[in-house]
Amino acid sequence: MSRGLPSGKEIVVLRLLSDAPSSGKYGLELVAEYQKALGRGSVYVILSRMQDKGLVESRTPKRADHPGLPRPRYRITALGQKTLQAVEAAQSVLPRLAFRQAVQGIIADWVQVAR
């Protein structure tokens, strides 16, 4: 599992998924909710990268509740929730220039504790 500081788009996805932690959302729902940061062509690349980091998980139902093939729903994981909490805590207290470096340290510390 690759770990690292989440990108700005990954933070947007974490925030959107935190609104529906149990049911999750389709990738295109995320695009519809935040078109400025997410595009149809990039959302699944971002979600795949986030799955590799352990920030989100997906579940594809056996049958679709819509026409066509079943689509996966994405949910935020416990690690994703902790990461979002760390990002939001850092954003609330640190100047913008030091933000990225500080969040990386917070996440690295949390990952050590979580292991």
C-alpha atoms as a PDB file:
ATOM      1  CA  MET A   1       0.000   0.000   0.000  1.00  0.00           C
ATOM      2  CA  SER A   2       1.493   3.308  -1.076  1.00  0.00           C
ATOM      3  CA  ARG A   3       1.156   6.089   1.479  1.00  0.00           C
ATOM      4  CA  GLY A   4       1.698   9.765   1.012  1.00  0.00           C
ATOM      5  CA  LEU A   5       0.200  13.173   1.422  1.00  0.00           C
ATOM      6  CA  PRO A   6      -3.192  13.364  -0.289  1.00  0.00           C
ATOM      7  CA  SER A   7      -3.449  15.703  -3.251  1.00  0.00           C
ATOM      8  CA  GLY A   8      -5.959  18.551  -3.339  1.00  0.00           C
ATOM      9  CA  LYS A   9      -8.313  16.468  -5.461  1.00  0.00           C
ATOM     10  CA  GLU A  10      -8.003  13.531  -3.085  1.00  0.00           C
ATOM     11  CA  ILE A  11      -8.941  15.827  -0.197  1.00  0.00           C
ATOM     12  CA  VAL A  12     -12.014  16.959  -2.151  1.00  0.00           C
ATOM     13  CA  VAL A  13     -13.010  13.308  -2.706  1.00  0.00           C
ATOM     14  CA  LEU A  14     -12.520  12.498   0.994  1.00  0.00           C
ATOM     15  CA  ARG A  15     -14.758  15.413   1.945  1.00  0.00           C
ATOM     16  CA  LEU A  16     -17.451  14.359  -0.517  1.00  0.00           C
ATOM     17  CA  LEU A  17     -17.342  10.729   0.616  1.00  0.00           C
ATOM     18  CA  SER A  18     -17.452  11.715   4.291  1.00  0.00           C
ATOM     19  CA  ASP A  19     -21.009  12.978   3.629  1.00  0.00           C
ATOM     20  CA  ALA A  20     -22.131   9.379   2.916  1.00  0.00           C
ATOM     21  CA  PRO A  21     -19.804   7.147   4.953  1.00  0.00           C
ATOM     22  CA  SER A  22     -21.975   4.043   5.004  1.00  0.00           C
ATOM     23  CA  SER A  23     -23.663   4.056   1.596  1.00  0.00           C
ATOM     24  CA  GLY A  24     -20.819   5.514  -0.451  1.00  0.00           C
ATOM     25  CA  LYS A  25     -21.140   7.235  -3.806  1.00  0.00           C
ATOM     26  CA  TYR A  26     -20.665   6.483  -7.487  1.00  0.00           C
ATOM     27  CA  GLY A  27     -17.699   8.123  -9.195  1.00  0.00           C
ATOM     28  CA  LEU A  28     -19.982  10.186 -11.414  1.00  0.00           C
ATOM     29  CA  GLU A  29     -21.890  11.419  -8.355  1.00  0.00           C
ATOM     30  CA  LEU A  30     -18.615  12.872  -7.116  1.00  0.00           C
ATOM     31  CA  VAL A  31     -18.096  14.611 -10.466  1.00  0.00           C
ATOM     32  CA  ALA A  32     -21.610  16.051 -10.354  1.00  0.00           C
ATOM     33  CA  GLU A  33     -21.118  17.350  -6.817  1.00  0.00           C
ATOM     34  CA  TYR A  34     -17.785  19.061  -7.438  1.00  0.00           C
ATOM     35  CA  GLN A  35     -17.238  19.703 -11.108  1.00  0.00           C
ATOM     36  CA  LYS A  36     -14.537  22.307 -10.511  1.00  0.00           C
ATOM     37  CA  ALA A  37     -12.043  19.792  -9.137  1.00  0.00           C
ATOM     38  CA  LEU A  38     -13.148  16.505 -10.637  1.00  0.00           C
ATOM     39  CA  GLY A  39     -13.708  15.548 -14.240  1.00  0.00           C
ATOM     40  CA  ARG A  40     -15.215  12.438 -15.773  1.00  0.00           C
ATOM     41  CA  GLY A  41     -11.829  11.443 -17.156  1.00  0.00           C
ATOM     42  CA  SER A  42      -9.915  11.828 -13.906  1.00  0.00           C
ATOM     43  CA  VAL A  43     -12.262  10.732 -11.131  1.00  0.00           C
ATOM     44  CA  TYR A  44     -11.639   6.995 -11.534  1.00  0.00           C
ATOM     45  CA  VAL A  45      -7.868   7.501 -11.729  1.00  0.00           C
ATOM     46  CA  ILE A  46      -8.048   9.487  -8.489  1.00  0.00           C
ATOM     47  CA  LEU A  47     -10.270   6.865  -6.824  1.00  0.00           C
ATOM     48  CA  SER A  48      -7.928   4.055  -7.896  1.00  0.00           C
ATOM     49  CA  ARG A  49      -4.925   5.893  -6.461  1.00  0.00           C
ATOM     50  CA  MET A  50      -6.858   6.485  -3.239  1.00  0.00           C
ATOM     51  CA  GLN A  51      -7.731   2.786  -3.017  1.00  0.00           C
ATOM     52  CA  ASP A  52      -4.020   1.964  -3.334  1.00  0.00           C
ATOM     53  CA  LYS A  53      -3.362   4.310  -0.391  1.00  0.00           C
ATOM     54  CA  GLY A  54      -6.158   2.718   1.658  1.00  0.00           C
ATOM     55  CA  LEU A  55      -8.186   5.945   1.844  1.00  0.00           C
ATOM     56  CA  VAL A  56     -11.277   4.599   0.057  1.00  0.00           C
ATOM     57  CA  GLU A  57     -12.779   1.226  -0.746  1.00  0.00           C
ATOM     58  CA  SER A  58     -15.188   0.161  -3.447  1.00  0.00           C
ATOM     59  CA  ARG A  59     -18.020  -2.333  -3.649  1.00  0.00           C
ATOM     60  CA  THR A  60     -19.676  -3.412  -6.881  1.00  0.00           C
ATOM     61  CA  PRO A  61     -23.157  -4.917  -6.438  1.00  0.00           C
ATOM     62  CA  LYS A  62     -23.965  -8.188  -8.185  1.00  0.00           C
ATOM     63  CA  ARG A  63     -26.955  -6.581  -9.897  1.00  0.00           C
ATOM     64  CA  ALA A  64     -27.363  -3.037 -11.104  1.00  0.00           C
ATOM     65  CA  ASP A  65     -30.192  -0.864  -9.821  1.00  0.00           C
ATOM     66  CA  HIS A  66     -30.035   1.039 -13.120  1.00  0.00           C
ATOM     67  CA  PRO A  67     -29.743   0.105 -16.809  1.00  0.00           C
ATOM     68  CA  GLY A  68     -26.359  -1.318 -17.821  1.00  0.00           C
ATOM     69  CA  LEU A  69     -23.565  -2.958 -15.885  1.00  0.00           C
ATOM     70  CA  PRO A  70     -23.265  -2.580 -12.115  1.00  0.00           C
ATOM     71  CA  ARG A  71     -21.049   0.340 -11.091  1.00  0.00           C
ATOM     72  CA  PRO A  72     -18.869   0.403  -8.002  1.00  0.00           C
ATOM     73  CA  ARG A  73     -19.777   2.604  -5.056  1.00  0.00           C
ATOM     74  CA  TYR A  74     -16.889   4.182  -3.186  1.00  0.00           C
ATOM     75  CA  ARG A  75     -16.710   4.684   0.572  1.00  0.00           C
ATOM     76  CA  ILE A  76     -14.231   6.429   2.803  1.00  0.00           C
ATOM     77  CA  THR A  77     -12.211   4.054   5.022  1.00  0.00           C
ATOM     78  CA  ALA A  78     -11.177   4.580   8.635  1.00  0.00           C
ATOM     79  CA  LEU A  79      -7.739   5.631   7.375  1.00  0.00           C
ATOM     80  CA  GLY A  80      -9.405   8.037   4.957  1.00  0.00           C
ATOM     81  CA  GLN A  81     -11.446   9.551   7.808  1.00  0.00           C
ATOM     82  CA  LYS A  82      -8.344   9.953   9.981  1.00  0.00           C
ATOM     83  CA  THR A  83      -6.470  11.494   7.062  1.00  0.00           C
ATOM     84  CA  LEU A  84      -9.307  13.958   6.422  1.00  0.00           C
ATOM     85  CA  GLN A  85      -9.396  14.874  10.120  1.00  0.00           C
ATOM     86  CA  ALA A  86      -5.632  15.501  10.081  1.00  0.00           C
ATOM     87  CA  VAL A  87      -5.899  17.640   6.936  1.00  0.00           C
ATOM     88  CA  GLU A  88      -8.760  19.699   8.346  1.00  0.00           C
ATOM     89  CA  ALA A  89      -6.977  20.178  11.676  1.00  0.00           C
ATOM     90  CA  ALA A  90      -3.831  21.326   9.919  1.00  0.00           C
ATOM     91  CA  GLN A  91      -5.743  23.675   7.621  1.00  0.00           C
ATOM     92  CA  SER A  92      -7.430  25.329  10.570  1.00  0.00           C
ATOM     93  CA  VAL A  93      -4.228  26.227  12.424  1.00  0.00           C
ATOM     94  CA  LEU A  94      -1.359  26.478   9.970  1.00  0.00           C
ATOM     95  CA  PRO A  95      -0.474  29.084   7.378  1.00  0.00           C
ATOM     96  CA  ARG A  96      -0.974  27.930   3.796  1.00  0.00           C
ATOM     97  CA  LEU A  97       2.742  27.693   2.944  1.00  0.00           C
ATOM     98  CA  ALA A  98       3.506  25.330   5.816  1.00  0.00           C
ATOM     99  CA  PHE A  99       0.308  23.327   5.364  1.00  0.00           C
ATOM    100  CA  ARG A 100       1.560  20.587   3.041  1.00  0.00           C
ATOM    101  CA  GLN A 101       4.687  19.876   5.050  1.00  0.00           C
ATOM    102  CA  ALA A 102       2.814  19.820   8.356  1.00  0.00           C
ATOM    103  CA  VAL A 103       0.066  17.513   7.102  1.00  0.00           C
ATOM    104  CA  GLN A 104       2.649  15.084   5.813  1.00  0.00           C
ATOM    105  CA  GLY A 105       4.180  14.956   9.283  1.00  0.00           C
ATOM    106  CA  ILE A 106       0.793  14.491  10.987  1.00  0.00           C
ATOM    107  CA  ILE A 107      -0.181  11.683   8.616  1.00  0.00           C
ATOM    108  CA  ALA A 108       3.213   9.984   8.978  1.00  0.00           C
ATOM    109  CA  ASP A 109       2.854  10.104  12.767  1.00  0.00           C
ATOM    110  CA  TRP A 110      -0.673   8.700  12.608  1.00  0.00           C
ATOM    111  CA  VAL A 111       0.362   5.891  10.259  1.00  0.00           C
ATOM    112  CA  GLN A 112       3.104   4.874  12.725  1.00  0.00           C
ATOM    113  CA  VAL A 113       0.546   4.777  15.557  1.00  0.00           C
ATOM    114  CA  ALA A 114      -1.974   2.849  13.411  1.00  0.00           C
ATOM    115  CA  ARG A 115       0.486   0.070  12.607  1.00  0.00           C
END
